[in-house]
Amino acid sequence: MKKSLLMKSISILLVLTLMTSTITFCLGGCSVKITPNRADIDIPTYSDTRLEVSSQNVSNNYAALTNALKSNDTEEIKEKADALKDAVNQSLSEFKLYSEEIRSMIGDSDDIIKKRAEEFEKYFNKNSQKALDAINGIILGSKNTNSQSYQQSIDTLEKYFEVEKEIMVTSDNLENSISKKTDAEKLSVNNLNNYLKNSVSAVGSSRFNESSLKLEDETSLTDEMKALADQLKTPLQVYLYLKNHINYEAYSGSRKGAVATFDSNGGNDVDQASLLIAMLRYLNYPAKYVNGTIFISADQALKLTSAKDLNTAGTILASSGKKVLSIVSGGKIEGFQMDQTWVEAYVPYTDYRGAGNAAGDYRWIPLDTSIKGYNQVETIYDDIEKYGISESDYVNGMSSSQLNALYEKLSAYEKEHEGEEAYLNSRQIISESTAYLPLSLQYVVKSIDGEYDKIKERDSDTITFTIEGQNIAKLKPYEMYGKRLIVEYVPATDSRLNVSNHAGYANDFIKRAY
Protein backbone atom coordinates (compact mmCIF):
# COMPACT_ATOMS: atom_id res chain seq x y z
CA MET A 1 0.00 0.00 0.00
CA LYS A 2 1.42 3.36 -0.99
CA LYS A 3 2.40 5.69 1.79
CA SER A 4 -0.08 8.36 0.66
CA LEU A 5 -2.89 6.05 1.76
CA LEU A 6 -1.50 6.29 5.29
CA MET A 7 -2.13 10.02 5.28
CA LYS A 8 -5.61 9.40 3.89
CA SER A 9 -6.42 7.09 6.81
CA ILE A 10 -5.14 9.60 9.35
CA SER A 11 -7.16 12.33 7.65
CA ILE A 12 -10.29 10.22 8.05
CA LEU A 13 -9.56 9.90 11.77
CA LEU A 14 -9.14 13.67 12.02
CA VAL A 15 -12.39 14.31 10.18
CA LEU A 16 -14.19 12.00 12.59
CA THR A 17 -12.67 13.82 15.52
CA LEU A 18 -13.67 17.22 14.15
CA MET A 19 -17.33 16.49 13.39
CA THR A 20 -19.73 19.08 14.70
CA SER A 21 -22.68 17.24 16.21
CA THR A 22 -23.47 15.22 19.31
CA ILE A 23 -25.44 12.20 18.16
CA THR A 24 -26.65 8.83 19.36
CA PHE A 25 -25.94 5.80 17.18
CA CYS A 26 -27.92 2.58 17.31
CA LEU A 27 -26.01 0.05 15.25
CA GLY A 28 -27.74 -3.28 15.16
CA GLY A 29 -29.36 -2.59 18.51
CA CYS A 30 -26.22 -1.22 20.23
CA SER A 31 -26.45 2.39 21.45
CA VAL A 32 -23.25 4.40 21.47
CA LYS A 33 -23.06 8.10 22.30
CA ILE A 34 -20.40 9.91 20.31
CA THR A 35 -19.38 13.46 21.21
CA PRO A 36 -16.77 14.59 18.69
CA ASN A 37 -14.46 17.58 19.05
CA ARG A 38 -15.09 20.87 17.25
CA ALA A 39 -12.24 23.05 18.42
CA ASP A 40 -10.20 22.97 15.21
CA ILE A 41 -13.08 23.79 12.86
CA ASP A 42 -13.26 27.21 11.25
CA ILE A 43 -16.10 28.85 13.15
CA PRO A 44 -17.78 32.24 12.78
CA THR A 45 -16.15 35.07 14.72
CA TYR A 46 -18.59 35.53 17.58
CA SER A 47 -17.70 37.14 20.90
CA ASP A 48 -17.51 33.68 22.44
CA THR A 49 -14.72 32.51 20.11
CA ARG A 50 -12.14 33.38 22.78
CA LEU A 51 -13.88 30.96 25.14
CA GLU A 52 -13.74 28.22 22.54
CA VAL A 53 -10.03 28.82 21.99
CA SER A 54 -9.26 28.87 25.70
CA SER A 55 -11.16 25.63 26.14
CA GLN A 56 -9.06 23.95 23.46
CA ASN A 57 -5.99 25.29 25.23
CA VAL A 58 -7.17 23.51 28.39
CA SER A 59 -7.59 20.30 26.40
CA ASN A 60 -4.11 20.53 24.87
CA ASN A 61 -2.46 21.24 28.22
CA TYR A 62 -4.28 18.33 29.85
CA ALA A 63 -2.99 16.01 27.10
CA ALA A 64 0.54 17.32 27.74
CA LEU A 65 0.20 16.70 31.49
CA THR A 66 -1.11 13.19 30.85
CA ASN A 67 2.01 12.36 28.82
CA ALA A 68 4.23 13.89 31.51
CA LEU A 69 2.60 11.75 34.21
CA LYS A 70 3.59 8.64 32.26
CA SER A 71 7.23 9.72 32.29
CA ASN A 72 7.39 10.23 36.10
CA ASP A 73 9.70 13.19 35.43
CA THR A 74 9.10 15.45 38.46
CA GLU A 75 10.17 18.69 36.78
CA GLU A 76 8.17 18.00 33.64
CA ILE A 77 5.07 17.06 35.65
CA LYS A 78 5.26 20.30 37.62
CA GLU A 79 5.81 22.34 34.47
CA LYS A 80 2.85 20.81 32.62
CA ALA A 81 0.61 21.02 35.71
CA ASP A 82 1.42 24.73 36.09
CA ALA A 83 0.58 25.27 32.41
CA LEU A 84 -2.73 23.44 32.80
CA LYS A 85 -3.55 25.49 35.89
CA ASP A 86 -2.96 28.71 33.96
CA ALA A 87 -5.12 27.43 31.09
CA VAL A 88 -8.02 26.53 33.40
CA ASN A 89 -7.83 29.94 35.10
CA GLN A 90 -7.83 31.63 31.70
CA SER A 91 -10.85 29.60 30.67
CA LEU A 92 -12.63 30.62 33.87
CA SER A 93 -11.90 34.27 33.15
CA GLU A 94 -13.23 33.99 29.60
CA PHE A 95 -16.29 32.17 30.87
CA LYS A 96 -16.97 34.89 33.42
CA LEU A 97 -16.84 37.62 30.76
CA TYR A 98 -19.02 35.62 28.43
CA SER A 99 -21.55 34.84 31.16
CA GLU A 100 -21.86 38.53 31.97
CA GLU A 101 -22.52 39.24 28.31
CA ILE A 102 -25.17 36.53 28.15
CA ARG A 103 -26.91 37.80 31.28
CA SER A 104 -26.98 41.28 29.80
CA MET A 105 -28.39 39.99 26.53
CA ILE A 106 -31.07 37.83 28.18
CA GLY A 107 -32.14 40.47 30.70
CA ASP A 108 -35.51 39.66 32.23
CA SER A 109 -37.18 38.64 28.99
CA ASP A 110 -37.08 34.90 29.66
CA ASP A 111 -36.85 33.68 33.25
CA ILE A 112 -36.42 30.03 32.21
CA ILE A 113 -33.30 30.71 30.16
CA LYS A 114 -31.97 33.04 32.82
CA LYS A 115 -32.39 30.44 35.57
CA ARG A 116 -30.83 27.65 33.52
CA ALA A 117 -27.88 29.83 32.53
CA GLU A 118 -27.27 30.75 36.18
CA GLU A 119 -27.45 27.11 37.27
CA PHE A 120 -25.03 26.05 34.60
CA GLU A 121 -22.63 28.89 35.48
CA LYS A 122 -22.55 27.72 39.11
CA TYR A 123 -22.11 24.11 38.01
CA PHE A 124 -19.24 24.96 35.68
CA ASN A 125 -17.44 27.11 38.26
CA LYS A 126 -17.81 24.45 40.96
CA ASN A 127 -16.32 21.70 38.82
CA SER A 128 -13.58 23.95 37.51
CA GLN A 129 -12.55 24.73 41.08
CA LYS A 130 -12.44 21.03 41.91
CA ALA A 131 -10.17 20.49 38.91
CA LEU A 132 -7.90 23.35 40.04
CA ASP A 133 -7.68 21.78 43.51
CA ALA A 134 -6.64 18.50 41.89
CA ILE A 135 -4.00 20.27 39.78
CA ASN A 136 -2.60 21.95 42.89
CA GLY A 137 -2.49 18.55 44.56
CA ILE A 138 -0.42 17.21 41.66
CA ILE A 139 1.95 20.17 41.81
CA LEU A 140 2.47 19.83 45.57
CA GLY A 141 2.76 16.06 45.43
CA SER A 142 5.02 15.83 42.38
CA LYS A 143 8.05 15.47 44.66
CA ASN A 144 6.53 12.34 46.19
CA THR A 145 4.72 10.56 43.41
CA ASN A 146 4.08 7.50 45.57
CA SER A 147 1.90 9.38 48.07
CA GLN A 148 -1.80 8.56 48.32
CA SER A 149 -2.86 12.21 48.05
CA TYR A 150 -0.87 12.59 44.83
CA GLN A 151 -2.62 9.62 43.23
CA GLN A 152 -6.02 10.85 44.47
CA SER A 153 -5.37 14.19 42.78
CA ILE A 154 -4.59 12.43 39.50
CA ASP A 155 -7.74 10.30 39.78
CA THR A 156 -9.85 13.38 40.49
CA LEU A 157 -8.43 15.23 37.51
CA GLU A 158 -9.03 12.26 35.22
CA LYS A 159 -12.63 12.14 36.41
CA TYR A 160 -13.36 15.64 35.22
CA PHE A 161 -11.43 15.47 31.98
CA GLU A 162 -11.90 11.89 30.84
CA VAL A 163 -15.36 11.12 32.22
CA GLU A 164 -17.42 14.23 32.83
CA LYS A 165 -15.69 16.70 30.50
CA GLU A 166 -17.23 19.46 32.56
CA ILE A 167 -14.48 22.08 32.48
CA MET A 168 -14.21 22.29 28.72
CA VAL A 169 -16.55 23.82 26.20
CA THR A 170 -15.69 21.17 23.64
CA SER A 171 -15.18 17.49 24.17
CA ASP A 172 -11.86 15.99 23.18
CA ASN A 173 -12.67 12.36 22.65
CA LEU A 174 -14.39 9.99 20.30
CA GLU A 175 -15.80 7.09 22.29
CA ASN A 176 -15.21 3.67 20.79
CA SER A 177 -17.88 1.12 20.04
CA ILE A 178 -16.25 -2.18 20.88
CA SER A 179 -17.96 -5.49 20.24
CA LYS A 180 -18.52 -7.53 23.36
CA LYS A 181 -16.04 -10.39 23.61
CA THR A 182 -17.87 -13.66 23.06
CA ASP A 183 -16.47 -17.17 23.01
CA ALA A 184 -17.80 -19.60 20.41
CA GLU A 185 -20.10 -22.26 21.86
CA LYS A 186 -19.01 -25.85 21.33
CA LEU A 187 -20.81 -28.58 19.40
CA SER A 188 -19.36 -32.08 19.79
CA VAL A 189 -19.76 -34.54 16.93
CA ASN A 190 -18.86 -38.22 17.03
CA ASN A 191 -17.72 -38.39 13.42
CA LEU A 192 -16.65 -35.31 11.46
CA ASN A 193 -17.14 -36.99 8.08
CA ASN A 194 -20.74 -37.84 8.89
CA TYR A 195 -21.29 -34.26 10.07
CA LEU A 196 -19.88 -32.88 6.80
CA LYS A 197 -21.96 -35.25 4.67
CA ASN A 198 -25.09 -33.71 6.07
CA SER A 199 -24.88 -30.73 3.71
CA VAL A 200 -26.87 -29.10 0.90
CA SER A 201 -26.20 -27.55 -2.50
CA ALA A 202 -24.96 -23.97 -2.27
CA VAL A 203 -27.37 -22.92 -5.03
CA GLY A 204 -31.05 -22.88 -4.22
CA SER A 205 -34.07 -22.73 -6.45
CA SER A 206 -33.40 -19.23 -7.75
CA ARG A 207 -35.41 -17.84 -10.60
CA PHE A 208 -34.43 -14.90 -12.73
CA ASN A 209 -36.41 -11.67 -12.30
CA GLU A 210 -35.85 -7.97 -12.91
CA SER A 211 -35.15 -7.33 -9.22
CA SER A 212 -31.94 -9.31 -9.60
CA LEU A 213 -30.59 -6.51 -11.81
CA LYS A 214 -31.62 -3.45 -9.78
CA LEU A 215 -28.88 -1.09 -8.62
CA GLU A 216 -30.33 0.61 -5.56
CA ASP A 217 -29.77 1.15 -1.85
CA GLU A 218 -26.98 -1.18 -0.65
CA THR A 219 -26.11 -2.12 -4.25
CA SER A 220 -25.71 1.42 -5.59
CA LEU A 221 -22.42 2.31 -7.31
CA THR A 222 -20.31 5.41 -7.76
CA ASP A 223 -18.78 6.44 -11.08
CA GLU A 224 -15.41 5.19 -9.85
CA MET A 225 -16.88 1.76 -9.12
CA LYS A 226 -18.57 1.65 -12.52
CA ALA A 227 -15.32 2.54 -14.25
CA LEU A 228 -13.55 -0.28 -12.44
CA ALA A 229 -16.31 -2.74 -13.38
CA ASP A 230 -16.00 -1.67 -17.03
CA GLN A 231 -12.27 -2.25 -16.82
CA LEU A 232 -12.65 -5.70 -15.22
CA LYS A 233 -15.32 -6.66 -17.80
CA THR A 234 -16.03 -10.28 -16.79
CA PRO A 235 -17.62 -11.94 -13.73
CA LEU A 236 -14.35 -13.81 -13.14
CA GLN A 237 -12.24 -10.65 -12.99
CA VAL A 238 -14.76 -8.89 -10.75
CA TYR A 239 -14.76 -11.87 -8.39
CA LEU A 240 -10.95 -12.08 -8.28
CA TYR A 241 -10.49 -8.36 -7.79
CA LEU A 242 -12.83 -8.21 -4.80
CA LYS A 243 -11.46 -11.37 -3.24
CA ASN A 244 -7.87 -10.13 -3.55
CA HIS A 245 -8.44 -6.50 -2.54
CA ILE A 246 -11.37 -6.21 -0.10
CA ASN A 247 -10.45 -7.11 3.48
CA TYR A 248 -12.60 -9.28 5.69
CA GLU A 249 -14.03 -7.49 8.74
CA ALA A 250 -15.81 -9.28 11.58
CA TYR A 251 -19.27 -7.85 12.27
CA SER A 252 -22.79 -9.00 11.56
CA GLY A 253 -25.46 -7.77 9.18
CA SER A 254 -25.46 -5.08 6.52
CA ARG A 255 -23.60 -1.99 7.71
CA LYS A 256 -21.69 -0.32 4.89
CA GLY A 257 -23.34 -1.19 1.61
CA ALA A 258 -21.38 -1.50 -1.64
CA VAL A 259 -20.03 2.06 -1.81
CA ALA A 260 -18.57 2.30 1.70
CA THR A 261 -17.20 -1.25 1.45
CA PHE A 262 -15.41 -0.31 -1.76
CA ASP A 263 -14.11 3.01 -0.42
CA SER A 264 -12.81 1.47 2.82
CA ASN A 265 -11.44 -1.68 1.16
CA GLY A 266 -13.18 -3.82 3.77
CA GLY A 267 -16.43 -5.38 4.87
CA ASN A 268 -18.02 -8.50 6.32
CA ASP A 269 -19.70 -11.25 4.31
CA VAL A 270 -22.94 -9.28 3.78
CA ASP A 271 -21.30 -6.04 2.67
CA GLN A 272 -18.87 -7.85 0.40
CA ALA A 273 -21.86 -9.64 -1.10
CA SER A 274 -23.50 -6.24 -1.73
CA LEU A 275 -20.36 -5.04 -3.52
CA LEU A 276 -20.07 -8.16 -5.68
CA ILE A 277 -23.77 -8.04 -6.54
CA ALA A 278 -23.58 -4.35 -7.43
CA MET A 279 -20.71 -4.80 -9.87
CA LEU A 280 -22.22 -7.92 -11.46
CA ARG A 281 -25.60 -6.24 -11.91
CA TYR A 282 -23.93 -3.19 -13.44
CA LEU A 283 -22.36 -5.53 -16.03
CA ASN A 284 -25.88 -6.91 -16.63
CA TYR A 285 -25.42 -10.20 -14.78
CA PRO A 286 -28.33 -10.99 -12.42
CA ALA A 287 -27.21 -11.60 -8.85
CA LYS A 288 -28.82 -12.06 -5.44
CA TYR A 289 -28.07 -12.72 -1.79
CA VAL A 290 -28.17 -16.16 -0.19
CA ASN A 291 -28.09 -16.66 3.58
CA GLY A 292 -27.37 -19.92 5.32
CA THR A 293 -25.25 -21.91 7.74
CA ILE A 294 -21.78 -23.01 6.71
CA PHE A 295 -18.77 -24.91 8.02
CA ILE A 296 -15.23 -23.57 7.61
CA SER A 297 -12.22 -25.72 8.45
CA ALA A 298 -9.79 -25.00 11.28
CA ASP A 299 -7.17 -23.95 8.74
CA GLN A 300 -9.58 -21.56 7.02
CA ALA A 301 -10.53 -19.99 10.36
CA LEU A 302 -6.90 -19.40 11.33
CA LYS A 303 -6.07 -17.87 7.95
CA LEU A 304 -9.18 -15.70 7.95
CA THR A 305 -8.77 -14.29 11.46
CA SER A 306 -4.95 -14.40 11.72
CA ALA A 307 -5.48 -15.84 15.21
CA LYS A 308 -2.68 -17.68 17.00
CA ASP A 309 -4.95 -20.58 18.02
CA LEU A 310 -8.40 -21.94 17.29
CA ASN A 311 -9.97 -20.78 20.56
CA THR A 312 -8.97 -17.21 19.70
CA ALA A 313 -10.24 -17.64 16.15
CA GLY A 314 -13.59 -18.77 17.52
CA THR A 315 -13.74 -15.77 19.84
CA ILE A 316 -13.03 -13.36 16.97
CA LEU A 317 -15.75 -14.90 14.81
CA ALA A 318 -18.31 -15.11 17.64
CA SER A 319 -17.60 -11.56 18.85
CA SER A 320 -18.76 -10.28 15.46
CA GLY A 321 -22.33 -10.94 16.54
CA LYS A 322 -22.78 -14.01 14.36
CA LYS A 323 -23.99 -17.33 15.69
CA VAL A 324 -20.80 -19.40 15.76
CA LEU A 325 -20.21 -22.96 16.99
CA SER A 326 -16.85 -24.67 17.46
CA ILE A 327 -17.16 -28.13 15.93
CA VAL A 328 -15.29 -30.53 18.23
CA SER A 329 -14.47 -34.13 17.38
CA GLY A 330 -12.30 -36.33 19.56
CA GLY A 331 -11.57 -33.38 21.83
CA LYS A 332 -10.14 -31.34 18.94
CA ILE A 333 -11.62 -28.26 17.24
CA GLU A 334 -12.05 -29.25 13.60
CA GLY A 335 -13.63 -26.02 12.40
CA PHE A 336 -16.55 -23.66 12.91
CA GLN A 337 -20.21 -23.61 11.99
CA MET A 338 -21.58 -20.12 11.47
CA ASP A 339 -24.13 -17.95 9.71
CA GLN A 340 -22.96 -16.66 6.34
CA THR A 341 -24.21 -14.64 3.39
CA TRP A 342 -22.92 -15.30 -0.13
CA VAL A 343 -23.94 -14.49 -3.70
CA GLU A 344 -25.76 -16.32 -6.45
CA ALA A 345 -24.82 -15.00 -9.89
CA TYR A 346 -26.48 -15.85 -13.21
CA VAL A 347 -23.57 -16.13 -15.66
CA PRO A 348 -22.62 -17.91 -18.90
CA TYR A 349 -21.04 -20.94 -17.32
CA THR A 350 -20.75 -23.70 -19.89
CA ASP A 351 -18.52 -21.58 -22.13
CA TYR A 352 -15.44 -20.16 -20.33
CA ARG A 353 -17.26 -20.22 -16.94
CA GLY A 354 -17.61 -16.46 -16.62
CA ALA A 355 -14.07 -15.81 -17.77
CA GLY A 356 -14.52 -14.41 -21.25
CA ASN A 357 -17.13 -14.58 -23.99
CA ALA A 358 -20.68 -14.11 -22.74
CA ALA A 359 -21.72 -17.27 -24.51
CA GLY A 360 -23.03 -20.69 -23.61
CA ASP A 361 -25.80 -21.68 -21.24
CA TYR A 362 -26.42 -19.43 -18.26
CA ARG A 363 -26.73 -20.88 -14.78
CA TRP A 364 -26.77 -19.73 -11.19
CA ILE A 365 -23.44 -20.22 -9.44
CA PRO A 366 -22.46 -19.47 -5.81
CA LEU A 367 -19.67 -16.96 -5.07
CA ASP A 368 -18.17 -15.64 -1.84
CA THR A 369 -15.31 -13.12 -1.76
CA SER A 370 -15.22 -12.77 2.04
CA ILE A 371 -13.59 -16.08 3.06
CA LYS A 372 -9.90 -15.72 2.27
CA GLY A 373 -6.44 -16.16 3.73
CA TYR A 374 -3.98 -13.64 5.17
CA ASN A 375 -0.25 -13.31 5.76
CA GLN A 376 1.15 -11.28 8.66
CA VAL A 377 3.37 -8.33 7.66
CA GLU A 378 5.16 -5.59 9.55
CA THR A 379 3.42 -2.21 9.64
CA ILE A 380 4.25 1.32 10.71
CA TYR A 381 2.22 0.67 13.84
CA ASP A 382 4.75 -1.89 15.04
CA ASP A 383 6.83 1.16 16.02
CA ILE A 384 3.89 3.40 16.90
CA GLU A 385 5.53 4.60 20.12
CA LYS A 386 8.15 6.49 18.15
CA TYR A 387 5.30 8.72 16.99
CA GLY A 388 4.46 9.60 20.59
CA ILE A 389 1.44 7.30 20.77
CA SER A 390 1.32 4.44 23.27
CA GLU A 391 -0.22 1.06 22.50
CA SER A 392 -3.14 1.80 24.85
CA ASP A 393 -3.77 5.12 23.06
CA TYR A 394 -3.88 3.33 19.72
CA VAL A 395 -6.23 0.59 20.98
CA ASN A 396 -8.55 2.70 23.16
CA GLY A 397 -8.72 5.83 21.07
CA MET A 398 -6.80 9.10 20.84
CA SER A 399 -7.74 12.69 21.54
CA SER A 400 -7.81 15.28 18.78
CA SER A 401 -4.60 16.87 20.06
CA GLN A 402 -2.86 13.47 19.92
CA LEU A 403 -4.21 12.87 16.42
CA ASN A 404 -2.97 16.27 15.26
CA ALA A 405 0.48 15.52 16.71
CA LEU A 406 0.50 12.09 15.08
CA TYR A 407 -0.54 13.61 11.74
CA GLU A 408 2.37 16.07 11.85
CA LYS A 409 4.88 13.35 12.68
CA LEU A 410 3.59 11.05 9.96
CA SER A 411 3.70 13.91 7.45
CA ALA A 412 7.38 14.43 8.24
CA TYR A 413 7.97 10.67 8.05
CA GLU A 414 6.26 10.51 4.65
CA LYS A 415 8.50 13.25 3.24
CA GLU A 416 11.58 11.52 4.60
CA HIS A 417 10.60 8.18 3.04
CA GLU A 418 8.96 9.44 -0.15
CA GLY A 419 8.63 6.75 -2.78
CA GLU A 420 8.89 3.90 -0.29
CA GLU A 421 6.04 1.56 0.60
CA ALA A 422 4.60 0.80 4.01
CA TYR A 423 1.71 -1.28 5.26
CA LEU A 424 -1.07 0.14 7.40
CA ASN A 425 -2.60 -3.25 8.04
CA SER A 426 -0.63 -6.12 9.58
CA ARG A 427 -2.78 -8.57 7.57
CA GLN A 428 -2.06 -8.91 3.87
CA ILE A 429 -4.50 -10.85 1.70
CA ILE A 430 -3.05 -13.99 0.12
CA SER A 431 -3.72 -13.32 -3.55
CA GLU A 432 -5.55 -15.98 -5.55
CA SER A 433 -5.66 -16.57 -9.27
CA THR A 434 -7.83 -18.89 -11.34
CA ALA A 435 -8.67 -19.23 -15.01
CA TYR A 436 -12.37 -19.83 -14.41
CA LEU A 437 -15.03 -19.13 -11.82
CA PRO A 438 -14.96 -21.80 -9.09
CA LEU A 439 -17.17 -24.87 -9.37
CA SER A 440 -18.33 -24.51 -5.77
CA LEU A 441 -17.96 -22.42 -2.64
CA GLN A 442 -14.80 -22.72 -0.57
CA TYR A 443 -16.70 -24.23 2.36
CA VAL A 444 -19.43 -26.73 3.20
CA VAL A 445 -23.00 -25.41 3.22
CA LYS A 446 -25.05 -26.98 6.01
CA SER A 447 -28.34 -25.26 5.21
CA ILE A 448 -29.89 -22.40 3.24
CA ASP A 449 -32.21 -20.07 5.12
CA GLY A 450 -33.25 -17.82 2.24
CA GLU A 451 -32.51 -16.11 -1.07
CA TYR A 452 -33.36 -12.49 -1.73
CA ASP A 453 -32.68 -9.62 -4.13
CA LYS A 454 -32.48 -6.95 -1.45
CA ILE A 455 -31.17 -6.76 2.13
CA LYS A 456 -33.84 -7.58 4.69
CA GLU A 457 -34.71 -4.88 7.23
CA ARG A 458 -33.85 -7.19 10.13
CA ASP A 459 -30.33 -7.69 8.74
CA SER A 460 -29.49 -4.01 8.33
CA ASP A 461 -27.93 -1.63 10.86
CA THR A 462 -29.74 1.61 11.50
CA ILE A 463 -28.61 4.94 12.93
CA THR A 464 -31.07 6.72 15.19
CA PHE A 465 -30.55 10.42 15.90
CA THR A 466 -31.82 11.39 19.33
CA ILE A 467 -32.08 14.84 20.91
CA GLU A 468 -33.14 14.96 24.56
CA GLY A 469 -34.79 11.56 24.33
CA GLN A 470 -36.75 12.32 21.15
CA ASN A 471 -35.93 10.34 18.00
CA ILE A 472 -35.71 12.81 15.13
CA ALA A 473 -34.45 10.49 12.38
CA LYS A 474 -33.73 6.85 11.69
CA LEU A 475 -31.50 6.08 8.73
CA LYS A 476 -29.41 3.26 7.37
CA PRO A 477 -25.65 3.83 7.19
CA TYR A 478 -25.52 3.69 3.39
CA GLU A 479 -28.12 6.47 3.24
CA MET A 480 -25.77 8.76 5.17
CA TYR A 481 -22.42 7.72 3.77
CA GLY A 482 -20.67 10.66 2.10
CA LYS A 483 -23.47 13.05 3.01
CA ARG A 484 -23.84 15.86 5.52
CA LEU A 485 -26.64 15.80 8.05
CA ILE A 486 -28.05 19.16 9.13
CA VAL A 487 -30.18 19.45 12.27
CA GLU A 488 -32.23 22.64 12.38
CA TYR A 489 -33.40 24.15 15.66
CA VAL A 490 -36.32 26.61 15.73
CA PRO A 491 -36.54 28.57 19.03
CA ALA A 492 -39.97 28.75 20.62
CA THR A 493 -39.80 32.44 21.61
CA ASP A 494 -38.25 35.66 20.32
CA SER A 495 -35.92 35.89 23.34
CA ARG A 496 -34.67 32.36 22.72
CA LEU A 497 -34.22 33.19 19.05
CA ASN A 498 -32.07 36.16 20.13
CA VAL A 499 -29.91 33.91 22.30
CA SER A 500 -29.63 31.27 19.58
CA ASN A 501 -28.60 33.82 16.96
CA HIS A 502 -25.91 35.14 19.27
CA ALA A 503 -24.53 31.71 20.13
CA GLY A 504 -24.39 30.56 16.54
CA TYR A 505 -22.63 27.24 16.08
CA ALA A 506 -19.57 28.07 18.13
CA ASN A 507 -20.50 27.31 21.71
CA ASP A 508 -22.01 24.66 23.95
CA PHE A 509 -22.79 26.85 26.96
CA ILE A 510 -26.09 28.24 25.72
CA LYS A 511 -27.15 24.84 24.41
CA ARG A 512 -26.44 23.31 27.80
CA ALA A 513 -28.28 26.15 29.51
CA TYR A 514 -31.32 25.29 27.39
Foldseek 3Di string as FASTA:
>chain_A
DFLVVVLVVLVVVLCQQQDQDWWWWQWLNDIDTWFHFNLPPDDDDFLLNVLSVLLVQLVLLVVQLVLVVVVLPLVSNLVSLVSNLVSLVSNLVSVVVVLVVVCVLLPPVDVLLVVLLVVLNVVLVVLSVLLSVLSVQCNVCSVPCVDPSNVVSVVSNCCCQVPVVRNGFGHFFTFDDFQDFDFAAADEDADVVVVLVLFDAPDDDDDDDPLLLDQDDLLPDDPVLQVVLVVLLWLQSLQQCLLQFAAADQAFFAAAGQHRSVVVSYDHQVRSQSVSSSSCSSSVKGKWKWKAKFKDFQVLLCFNVVDPHSRVSRRSNVSNVWNKYQYDYPNDGGTIITMGMWMWIWAADPPQARQDDRDHHTDIAIGTSHRFGWDFDDFPVVPVVVLVADPCCVVRHHTSSSSVSSSVVSVVVCVVVPPDRGDPDRIRTDRDDDRHDDRHDPTTTNDIDDMDSDGDPSRFTWTFTDDPRDTDDIGGNNVPPPHDDDDDDDDPDPSVVSVCVSCDSSGCSSVSSD
